[in-house]
Amino acid sequence: MYEITSTHHQMQYPFDLPRENYEILFYAKQCPMTIQGDHIDKRVVFGHEPEVVLYKIPNKPRCLAIQGHPEMMPNSPVAKMLDKLIKSYVTQ
């Protein structure tokens, strides 16, 4: 679990896409926001808000959508973990 600042209204809802077109890497568990994931538990219980989603739509660039605001916590564990995700999924 990671703490993240989350000053948003829910702005991403991948569930209208076919399941193979997205992967929820982290979801919000509670307020104040904590996110779970780290590739351990990719199950999503409806009602948990997706916080970090990898969109992989055929013939489109991969997109890593980050709901929270890790830039408000630049040296935090969540910011470091998200930097690794960006390098891993986006800059390949």
PDB file of N, CA and C in Angstrom:
ATOM      1  N   MET A   1       0.838  -1.174   0.000  1.00  0.00           N
ATOM      2  CA  MET A   1       0.000   0.000   0.000  1.00  0.00           C
ATOM      3  C   MET A   1       0.884   1.239   0.000  1.00  0.00           C
ATOM      4  N   TYR A   2       0.425   2.253  -0.706  1.00  0.00           N
ATOM      5  CA  TYR A   2       1.118   3.525  -0.789  1.00  0.00           C
ATOM      6  C   TYR A   2       0.145   4.643  -0.474  1.00  0.00           C
ATOM      7  N   GLU A   3       0.607   5.657   0.215  1.00  0.00           N
ATOM      8  CA  GLU A   3      -0.196   6.870   0.386  1.00  0.00           C
ATOM      9  C   GLU A   3       0.027   7.759  -0.817  1.00  0.00           C
ATOM     10  N   ILE A   4      -1.051   8.397  -1.269  1.00  0.00           N
ATOM     11  CA  ILE A   4      -0.947   9.314  -2.400  1.00  0.00           C
ATOM     12  C   ILE A   4      -1.919  10.461  -2.163  1.00  0.00           C
ATOM     13  N   THR A   5      -1.553  11.647  -2.619  1.00  0.00           N
ATOM     14  CA  THR A   5      -2.512  12.754  -2.545  1.00  0.00           C
ATOM     15  C   THR A   5      -3.495  12.545  -3.684  1.00  0.00           C
ATOM     16  N   SER A   6      -4.724  12.717  -3.422  1.00  0.00           N
ATOM     17  CA  SER A   6      -5.739  12.480  -4.433  1.00  0.00           C
ATOM     18  C   SER A   6      -6.771  13.586  -4.317  1.00  0.00           C
ATOM     19  N   THR A   7      -6.576  14.645  -5.089  1.00  0.00           N
ATOM     20  CA  THR A   7      -7.449  15.818  -5.012  1.00  0.00           C
ATOM     21  C   THR A   7      -8.435  15.829  -6.171  1.00  0.00           C
ATOM     22  N   HIS A   8      -8.789  14.681  -6.652  1.00  0.00           N
ATOM     23  CA  HIS A   8      -9.591  14.570  -7.870  1.00  0.00           C
ATOM     24  C   HIS A   8     -11.021  14.131  -7.586  1.00  0.00           C
ATOM     25  N   HIS A   9     -11.823  14.323  -8.589  1.00  0.00           N
ATOM     26  CA  HIS A   9     -13.066  13.587  -8.726  1.00  0.00           C
ATOM     27  C   HIS A   9     -12.698  12.410  -9.611  1.00  0.00           C
ATOM     28  N   GLN A  10     -13.423  11.347  -9.529  1.00  0.00           N
ATOM     29  CA  GLN A  10     -13.066  10.169 -10.320  1.00  0.00           C
ATOM     30  C   GLN A  10     -13.147  10.500 -11.806  1.00  0.00           C
ATOM     31  N   MET A  11     -12.004  10.486 -12.454  1.00  0.00           N
ATOM     32  CA  MET A  11     -11.944  10.905 -13.848  1.00  0.00           C
ATOM     33  C   MET A  11     -11.629   9.773 -14.813  1.00  0.00           C
ATOM     34  N   GLN A  12     -11.322   8.601 -14.312  1.00  0.00           N
ATOM     35  CA  GLN A  12     -11.104   7.514 -15.254  1.00  0.00           C
ATOM     36  C   GLN A  12     -11.987   6.340 -14.894  1.00  0.00           C
ATOM     37  N   TYR A  13     -12.563   5.790 -15.921  1.00  0.00           N
ATOM     38  CA  TYR A  13     -13.492   4.683 -15.759  1.00  0.00           C
ATOM     39  C   TYR A  13     -13.226   3.732 -16.913  1.00  0.00           C
ATOM     40  N   PRO A  14     -12.279   2.814 -16.740  1.00  0.00           N
ATOM     41  CA  PRO A  14     -11.904   1.950 -17.857  1.00  0.00           C
ATOM     42  C   PRO A  14     -12.899   0.843 -18.156  1.00  0.00           C
ATOM     43  N   PHE A  15     -13.900   0.667 -17.305  1.00  0.00           N
ATOM     44  CA  PHE A  15     -14.764  -0.510 -17.375  1.00  0.00           C
ATOM     45  C   PHE A  15     -15.646  -0.569 -18.616  1.00  0.00           C
ATOM     46  N   ASP A  16     -15.739   0.532 -19.379  1.00  0.00           N
ATOM     47  CA  ASP A  16     -16.501   0.498 -20.624  1.00  0.00           C
ATOM     48  C   ASP A  16     -15.692  -0.122 -21.763  1.00  0.00           C
ATOM     49  N   LEU A  17     -14.404  -0.302 -21.564  1.00  0.00           N
ATOM     50  CA  LEU A  17     -13.541  -0.906 -22.576  1.00  0.00           C
ATOM     51  C   LEU A  17     -13.504  -2.417 -22.398  1.00  0.00           C
ATOM     52  N   PRO A  18     -13.163  -3.151 -23.458  1.00  0.00           N
ATOM     53  CA  PRO A  18     -12.942  -4.587 -23.274  1.00  0.00           C
ATOM     54  C   PRO A  18     -11.818  -4.820 -22.262  1.00  0.00           C
ATOM     55  N   ARG A  19     -11.945  -5.821 -21.435  1.00  0.00           N
ATOM     56  CA  ARG A  19     -10.999  -6.084 -20.344  1.00  0.00           C
ATOM     57  C   ARG A  19      -9.549  -6.211 -20.837  1.00  0.00           C
ATOM     58  N   GLU A  20      -9.349  -6.709 -22.033  1.00  0.00           N
ATOM     59  CA  GLU A  20      -7.982  -6.879 -22.543  1.00  0.00           C
ATOM     60  C   GLU A  20      -7.330  -5.547 -22.935  1.00  0.00           C
ATOM     61  N   ASN A  21      -8.099  -4.452 -22.950  1.00  0.00           N
ATOM     62  CA  ASN A  21      -7.571  -3.152 -23.343  1.00  0.00           C
ATOM     63  C   ASN A  21      -7.079  -2.311 -22.177  1.00  0.00           C
ATOM     64  N   TYR A  22      -7.158  -2.826 -20.966  1.00  0.00           N
ATOM     65  CA  TYR A  22      -6.646  -2.077 -19.822  1.00  0.00           C
ATOM     66  C   TYR A  22      -6.235  -3.047 -18.721  1.00  0.00           C
ATOM     67  N   GLU A  23      -5.368  -2.550 -17.869  1.00  0.00           N
ATOM     68  CA  GLU A  23      -4.949  -3.302 -16.685  1.00  0.00           C
ATOM     69  C   GLU A  23      -4.905  -2.315 -15.522  1.00  0.00           C
ATOM     70  N   ILE A  24      -5.686  -2.586 -14.505  1.00  0.00           N
ATOM     71  CA  ILE A  24      -5.668  -1.724 -13.326  1.00  0.00           C
ATOM     72  C   ILE A  24      -4.504  -2.181 -12.454  1.00  0.00           C
ATOM     73  N   LEU A  25      -3.509  -1.306 -12.325  1.00  0.00           N
ATOM     74  CA  LEU A  25      -2.323  -1.649 -11.553  1.00  0.00           C
ATOM     75  C   LEU A  25      -2.502  -1.312 -10.078  1.00  0.00           C
ATOM     76  N   PHE A  26      -3.249  -0.234  -9.795  1.00  0.00           N
ATOM     77  CA  PHE A  26      -3.503   0.199  -8.421  1.00  0.00           C
ATOM     78  C   PHE A  26      -4.911   0.745  -8.333  1.00  0.00           C
ATOM     79  N   TYR A  27      -5.517   0.588  -7.186  1.00  0.00           N
ATOM     80  CA  TYR A  27      -6.829   1.163  -6.950  1.00  0.00           C
ATOM     81  C   TYR A  27      -6.863   1.783  -5.564  1.00  0.00           C
ATOM     82  N   ALA A  28      -7.749   2.755  -5.390  1.00  0.00           N
ATOM     83  CA  ALA A  28      -7.885   3.424  -4.102  1.00  0.00           C
ATOM     84  C   ALA A  28      -8.651   2.524  -3.156  1.00  0.00           C
ATOM     85  N   LYS A  29      -8.176   2.488  -1.937  1.00  0.00           N
ATOM     86  CA  LYS A  29      -8.816   1.652  -0.939  1.00  0.00           C
ATOM     87  C   LYS A  29      -9.632   2.465   0.057  1.00  0.00           C
ATOM     88  N   GLN A  30      -9.161   3.629   0.435  1.00  0.00           N
ATOM     89  CA  GLN A  30      -9.842   4.400   1.469  1.00  0.00           C
ATOM     90  C   GLN A  30      -9.418   5.852   1.390  1.00  0.00           C
ATOM     91  N   CYS A  31     -10.049   6.692   2.171  1.00  0.00           N
ATOM     92  CA  CYS A  31      -9.646   8.087   2.305  1.00  0.00           C
ATOM     93  C   CYS A  31      -9.150   8.292   3.719  1.00  0.00           C
ATOM     94  N   PRO A  32      -8.076   8.981   3.993  1.00  0.00           N
ATOM     95  CA  PRO A  32      -7.216   9.535   2.952  1.00  0.00           C
ATOM     96  C   PRO A  32      -6.704   8.414   2.054  1.00  0.00           C
ATOM     97  N   MET A  33      -6.471   8.760   0.802  1.00  0.00           N
ATOM     98  CA  MET A  33      -6.201   7.750  -0.204  1.00  0.00           C
ATOM     99  C   MET A  33      -4.963   6.913   0.104  1.00  0.00           C
ATOM    100  N   THR A  34      -5.136   5.627   0.032  1.00  0.00           N
ATOM    101  CA  THR A  34      -4.003   4.718  -0.060  1.00  0.00           C
ATOM    102  C   THR A  34      -4.262   3.902  -1.305  1.00  0.00           C
ATOM    103  N   ILE A  35      -3.210   3.500  -1.967  1.00  0.00           N
ATOM    104  CA  ILE A  35      -3.409   2.686  -3.153  1.00  0.00           C
ATOM    105  C   ILE A  35      -2.735   1.347  -2.956  1.00  0.00           C
ATOM    106  N   GLN A  36      -3.319   0.334  -3.523  1.00  0.00           N
ATOM    107  CA  GLN A  36      -2.783  -1.010  -3.433  1.00  0.00           C
ATOM    108  C   GLN A  36      -2.479  -1.494  -4.832  1.00  0.00           C
ATOM    109  N   GLY A  37      -1.526  -2.392  -4.913  1.00  0.00           N
ATOM    110  CA  GLY A  37      -1.222  -2.965  -6.206  1.00  0.00           C
ATOM    111  C   GLY A  37       0.156  -3.562  -6.200  1.00  0.00           C
ATOM    112  N   ASP A  38       1.111  -2.834  -6.789  1.00  0.00           N
ATOM    113  CA  ASP A  38       2.475  -3.313  -6.908  1.00  0.00           C
ATOM    114  C   ASP A  38       2.503  -4.678  -7.571  1.00  0.00           C
ATOM    115  N   HIS A  39       1.562  -4.911  -8.462  1.00  0.00           N
ATOM    116  CA  HIS A  39       1.470  -6.126  -9.258  1.00  0.00           C
ATOM    117  C   HIS A  39       1.214  -7.360  -8.401  1.00  0.00           C
ATOM    118  N   ILE A  40       0.693  -7.171  -7.206  1.00  0.00           N
ATOM    119  CA  ILE A  40       0.385  -8.307  -6.339  1.00  0.00           C
ATOM    120  C   ILE A  40      -1.089  -8.663  -6.467  1.00  0.00           C
ATOM    121  N   ASP A  41      -1.950  -7.678  -6.334  1.00  0.00           N
ATOM    122  CA  ASP A  41      -3.386  -7.916  -6.360  1.00  0.00           C
ATOM    123  C   ASP A  41      -4.003  -7.078  -7.456  1.00  0.00           C
ATOM    124  N   LYS A  42      -4.256  -7.682  -8.600  1.00  0.00           N
ATOM    125  CA  LYS A  42      -4.815  -6.945  -9.722  1.00  0.00           C
ATOM    126  C   LYS A  42      -6.329  -7.089  -9.773  1.00  0.00           C
ATOM    127  N   ARG A  43      -6.912  -7.758  -8.795  1.00  0.00           N
ATOM    128  CA  ARG A  43      -8.363  -7.892  -8.751  1.00  0.00           C
ATOM    129  C   ARG A  43      -8.955  -6.553  -8.356  1.00  0.00           C
ATOM    130  N   VAL A  44     -10.039  -6.209  -8.996  1.00  0.00           N
ATOM    131  CA  VAL A  44     -10.690  -4.951  -8.665  1.00  0.00           C
ATOM    132  C   VAL A  44     -12.088  -5.263  -8.167  1.00  0.00           C
ATOM    133  N   VAL A  45     -12.392  -4.772  -7.010  1.00  0.00           N
ATOM    134  CA  VAL A  45     -13.731  -4.896  -6.457  1.00  0.00           C
ATOM    135  C   VAL A  45     -14.470  -3.645  -6.887  1.00  0.00           C
ATOM    136  N   PHE A  46     -15.623  -3.793  -7.511  1.00  0.00           N
ATOM    137  CA  PHE A  46     -16.363  -2.626  -7.961  1.00  0.00           C
ATOM    138  C   PHE A  46     -16.621  -1.731  -6.767  1.00  0.00           C
ATOM    139  N   GLY A  47     -16.413  -0.464  -6.916  1.00  0.00           N
ATOM    140  CA  GLY A  47     -16.521   0.462  -5.811  1.00  0.00           C
ATOM    141  C   GLY A  47     -15.160   0.988  -5.399  1.00  0.00           C
ATOM    142  N   HIS A  48     -14.100   0.232  -5.687  1.00  0.00           N
ATOM    143  CA  HIS A  48     -12.746   0.733  -5.497  1.00  0.00           C
ATOM    144  C   HIS A  48     -12.409   1.544  -6.744  1.00  0.00           C
ATOM    145  N   GLU A  49     -11.899   2.737  -6.558  1.00  0.00           N
ATOM    146  CA  GLU A  49     -11.618   3.599  -7.706  1.00  0.00           C
ATOM    147  C   GLU A  49     -10.268   3.268  -8.310  1.00  0.00           C
ATOM    148  N   PRO A  50     -10.210   3.079  -9.630  1.00  0.00           N
ATOM    149  CA  PRO A  50      -8.913   2.848 -10.262  1.00  0.00           C
ATOM    150  C   PRO A  50      -8.039   4.091 -10.124  1.00  0.00           C
ATOM    151  N   GLU A  51      -6.824   3.909  -9.662  1.00  0.00           N
ATOM    152  CA  GLU A  51      -5.896   5.027  -9.467  1.00  0.00           C
ATOM    153  C   GLU A  51      -4.782   5.028 -10.498  1.00  0.00           C
ATOM    154  N   VAL A  52      -4.286   3.863 -10.869  1.00  0.00           N
ATOM    155  CA  VAL A  52      -3.247   3.767 -11.892  1.00  0.00           C
ATOM    156  C   VAL A  52      -3.690   2.683 -12.870  1.00  0.00           C
ATOM    157  N   VAL A  53      -3.879   3.085 -14.122  1.00  0.00           N
ATOM    158  CA  VAL A  53      -4.373   2.170 -15.142  1.00  0.00           C
ATOM    159  C   VAL A  53      -3.432   2.204 -16.338  1.00  0.00           C
ATOM    160  N   LEU A  54      -3.087   1.033 -16.831  1.00  0.00           N
ATOM    161  CA  LEU A  54      -2.329   0.918 -18.072  1.00  0.00           C
ATOM    162  C   LEU A  54      -3.323   0.602 -19.177  1.00  0.00           C
ATOM    163  N   TYR A  55      -3.468   1.533 -20.128  1.00  0.00           N
ATOM    164  CA  TYR A  55      -4.345   1.320 -21.268  1.00  0.00           C
ATOM    165  C   TYR A  55      -3.515   0.751 -22.409  1.00  0.00           C
ATOM    166  N   LYS A  56      -3.998  -0.333 -23.000  1.00  0.00           N
ATOM    167  CA  LYS A  56      -3.267  -0.999 -24.088  1.00  0.00           C
ATOM    168  C   LYS A  56      -4.248  -1.362 -25.201  1.00  0.00           C
ATOM    169  N   ILE A  57      -4.682  -0.343 -25.890  1.00  0.00           N
ATOM    170  CA  ILE A  57      -5.643  -0.500 -26.977  1.00  0.00           C
ATOM    171  C   ILE A  57      -4.863  -0.802 -28.252  1.00  0.00           C
ATOM    172  N   PRO A  58      -5.256  -1.824 -28.994  1.00  0.00           N
ATOM    173  CA  PRO A  58      -4.528  -2.173 -30.219  1.00  0.00           C
ATOM    174  C   PRO A  58      -4.391  -0.980 -31.166  1.00  0.00           C
ATOM    175  N   ASN A  59      -3.220  -0.871 -31.765  1.00  0.00           N
ATOM    176  CA  ASN A  59      -2.893   0.170 -32.739  1.00  0.00           C
ATOM    177  C   ASN A  59      -2.876   1.586 -32.157  1.00  0.00           C
ATOM    178  N   LYS A  60      -2.766   1.682 -30.847  1.00  0.00           N
ATOM    179  CA  LYS A  60      -2.657   2.978 -30.166  1.00  0.00           C
ATOM    180  C   LYS A  60      -1.447   2.908 -29.234  1.00  0.00           C
ATOM    181  N   PRO A  61      -0.851   4.044 -28.909  1.00  0.00           N
ATOM    182  CA  PRO A  61       0.251   4.014 -27.935  1.00  0.00           C
ATOM    183  C   PRO A  61      -0.254   3.570 -26.568  1.00  0.00           C
ATOM    184  N   ARG A  62       0.598   2.866 -25.833  1.00  0.00           N
ATOM    185  CA  ARG A  62       0.233   2.522 -24.458  1.00  0.00           C
ATOM    186  C   ARG A  62       0.170   3.800 -23.638  1.00  0.00           C
ATOM    187  N   CYS A  63      -0.746   3.830 -22.702  1.00  0.00           N
ATOM    188  CA  CYS A  63      -0.939   5.016 -21.881  1.00  0.00           C
ATOM    189  C   CYS A  63      -1.017   4.585 -20.422  1.00  0.00           C
ATOM    190  N   LEU A  64      -0.204   5.200 -19.598  1.00  0.00           N
ATOM    191  CA  LEU A  64      -0.234   4.944 -18.161  1.00  0.00           C
ATOM    192  C   LEU A  64      -0.953   6.118 -17.520  1.00  0.00           C
ATOM    193  N   ALA A  65      -2.154   5.891 -17.024  1.00  0.00           N
ATOM    194  CA  ALA A  65      -2.975   6.951 -16.437  1.00  0.00           C
ATOM    195  C   ALA A  65      -2.824   6.912 -14.922  1.00  0.00           C
ATOM    196  N   ILE A  66      -2.404   8.024 -14.356  1.00  0.00           N
ATOM    197  CA  ILE A  66      -2.190   8.135 -12.910  1.00  0.00           C
ATOM    198  C   ILE A  66      -3.196   9.144 -12.380  1.00  0.00           C
ATOM    199  N   GLN A  67      -4.101   8.683 -11.547  1.00  0.00           N
ATOM    200  CA  GLN A  67      -5.199   9.508 -11.067  1.00  0.00           C
ATOM    201  C   GLN A  67      -4.782  10.521  -9.994  1.00  0.00           C
ATOM    202  N   GLY A  68      -3.955  10.107  -9.076  1.00  0.00           N
ATOM    203  CA  GLY A  68      -3.580  10.972  -7.956  1.00  0.00           C
ATOM    204  C   GLY A  68      -2.579  12.042  -8.359  1.00  0.00           C
ATOM    205  N   HIS A  69      -1.964  12.654  -7.390  1.00  0.00           N
ATOM    206  CA  HIS A  69      -1.014  13.741  -7.642  1.00  0.00           C
ATOM    207  C   HIS A  69       0.313  13.455  -6.941  1.00  0.00           C
ATOM    208  N   PRO A  70       1.104  12.514  -7.466  1.00  0.00           N
ATOM    209  CA  PRO A  70       2.392  12.216  -6.833  1.00  0.00           C
ATOM    210  C   PRO A  70       3.367  13.384  -6.903  1.00  0.00           C
ATOM    211  N   GLU A  71       3.146  14.330  -7.822  1.00  0.00           N
ATOM    212  CA  GLU A  71       4.041  15.489  -7.904  1.00  0.00           C
ATOM    213  C   GLU A  71       3.939  16.363  -6.656  1.00  0.00           C
ATOM    214  N   MET A  72       2.875  16.191  -5.887  1.00  0.00           N
ATOM    215  CA  MET A  72       2.745  16.924  -4.630  1.00  0.00           C
ATOM    216  C   MET A  72       3.523  16.254  -3.501  1.00  0.00           C
ATOM    217  N   MET A  73       4.071  15.077  -3.793  1.00  0.00           N
ATOM    218  CA  MET A  73       4.859  14.310  -2.815  1.00  0.00           C
ATOM    219  C   MET A  73       6.139  13.826  -3.511  1.00  0.00           C
ATOM    220  N   PRO A  74       6.996  14.710  -4.003  1.00  0.00           N
ATOM    221  CA  PRO A  74       8.067  14.334  -4.923  1.00  0.00           C
ATOM    222  C   PRO A  74       9.074  13.308  -4.406  1.00  0.00           C
ATOM    223  N   ASN A  75       9.330  13.239  -3.127  1.00  0.00           N
ATOM    224  CA  ASN A  75      10.320  12.286  -2.624  1.00  0.00           C
ATOM    225  C   ASN A  75       9.690  11.136  -1.866  1.00  0.00           C
ATOM    226  N   SER A  76       8.416  10.946  -2.038  1.00  0.00           N
ATOM    227  CA  SER A  76       7.692   9.911  -1.303  1.00  0.00           C
ATOM    228  C   SER A  76       7.878   8.542  -1.958  1.00  0.00           C
ATOM    229  N   PRO A  77       7.579   7.475  -1.222  1.00  0.00           N
ATOM    230  CA  PRO A  77       7.645   6.137  -1.814  1.00  0.00           C
ATOM    231  C   PRO A  77       6.730   5.979  -3.031  1.00  0.00           C
ATOM    232  N   VAL A  78       5.544   6.598  -3.022  1.00  0.00           N
ATOM    233  CA  VAL A  78       4.646   6.445  -4.172  1.00  0.00           C
ATOM    234  C   VAL A  78       5.224   7.132  -5.408  1.00  0.00           C
ATOM    235  N   ALA A  79       5.835   8.287  -5.257  1.00  0.00           N
ATOM    236  CA  ALA A  79       6.426   8.973  -6.408  1.00  0.00           C
ATOM    237  C   ALA A  79       7.560   8.148  -7.002  1.00  0.00           C
ATOM    238  N   LYS A  80       8.375   7.557  -6.160  1.00  0.00           N
ATOM    239  CA  LYS A  80       9.479   6.716  -6.642  1.00  0.00           C
ATOM    240  C   LYS A  80       8.951   5.474  -7.351  1.00  0.00           C
ATOM    241  N   MET A  81       7.910   4.858  -6.794  1.00  0.00           N
ATOM    242  CA  MET A  81       7.332   3.675  -7.415  1.00  0.00           C
ATOM    243  C   MET A  81       6.707   4.037  -8.765  1.00  0.00           C
ATOM    244  N   LEU A  82       6.005   5.168  -8.842  1.00  0.00           N
ATOM    245  CA  LEU A  82       5.390   5.572 -10.105  1.00  0.00           C
ATOM    246  C   LEU A  82       6.440   5.933 -11.154  1.00  0.00           C
ATOM    247  N   ASP A  83       7.545   6.529 -10.739  1.00  0.00           N
ATOM    248  CA  ASP A  83       8.646   6.782 -11.681  1.00  0.00           C
ATOM    249  C   ASP A  83       9.123   5.478 -12.315  1.00  0.00           C
ATOM    250  N   LYS A  84       9.226   4.435 -11.495  1.00  0.00           N
ATOM    251  CA  LYS A  84       9.635   3.120 -12.027  1.00  0.00           C
ATOM    252  C   LYS A  84       8.599   2.572 -13.005  1.00  0.00           C
ATOM    253  N   LEU A  85       7.317   2.745 -12.677  1.00  0.00           N
ATOM    254  CA  LEU A  85       6.267   2.284 -13.598  1.00  0.00           C
ATOM    255  C   LEU A  85       6.346   3.019 -14.927  1.00  0.00           C
ATOM    256  N   ILE A  86       6.543   4.330 -14.881  1.00  0.00           N
ATOM    257  CA  ILE A  86       6.637   5.116 -16.109  1.00  0.00           C
ATOM    258  C   ILE A  86       7.803   4.620 -16.951  1.00  0.00           C
ATOM    259  N   LYS A  87       8.946   4.419 -16.331  1.00  0.00           N
ATOM    260  CA  LYS A  87      10.120   3.917 -17.080  1.00  0.00           C
ATOM    261  C   LYS A  87       9.859   2.537 -17.628  1.00  0.00           C
ATOM    262  N   SER A  88       9.177   1.711 -16.875  1.00  0.00           N
ATOM    263  CA  SER A  88       8.920   0.335 -17.273  1.00  0.00           C
ATOM    264  C   SER A  88       7.887   0.222 -18.397  1.00  0.00           C
ATOM    265  N   TYR A  89       6.783   0.968 -18.300  1.00  0.00           N
ATOM    266  CA  TYR A  89       5.680   0.787 -19.240  1.00  0.00           C
ATOM    267  C   TYR A  89       5.658   1.782 -20.385  1.00  0.00           C
ATOM    268  N   VAL A  90       6.174   2.975 -20.183  1.00  0.00           N
ATOM    269  CA  VAL A  90       5.984   4.020 -21.179  1.00  0.00           C
ATOM    270  C   VAL A  90       7.228   4.289 -21.996  1.00  0.00           C
ATOM    271  N   THR A  91       8.384   4.213 -21.388  1.00  0.00           N
ATOM    272  CA  THR A  91       9.604   4.623 -22.098  1.00  0.00           C
ATOM    273  C   THR A  91      10.352   3.451 -22.726  1.00  0.00           C
ATOM    274  N   GLN A  92       9.677   2.359 -22.947  1.00  0.00           N
ATOM    275  CA  GLN A  92      10.324   1.185 -23.575  1.00  0.00           C
ATOM    276  C   GLN A  92      10.593   1.440 -25.041  1.00  0.00           C
TER     277      GLN A  92
END
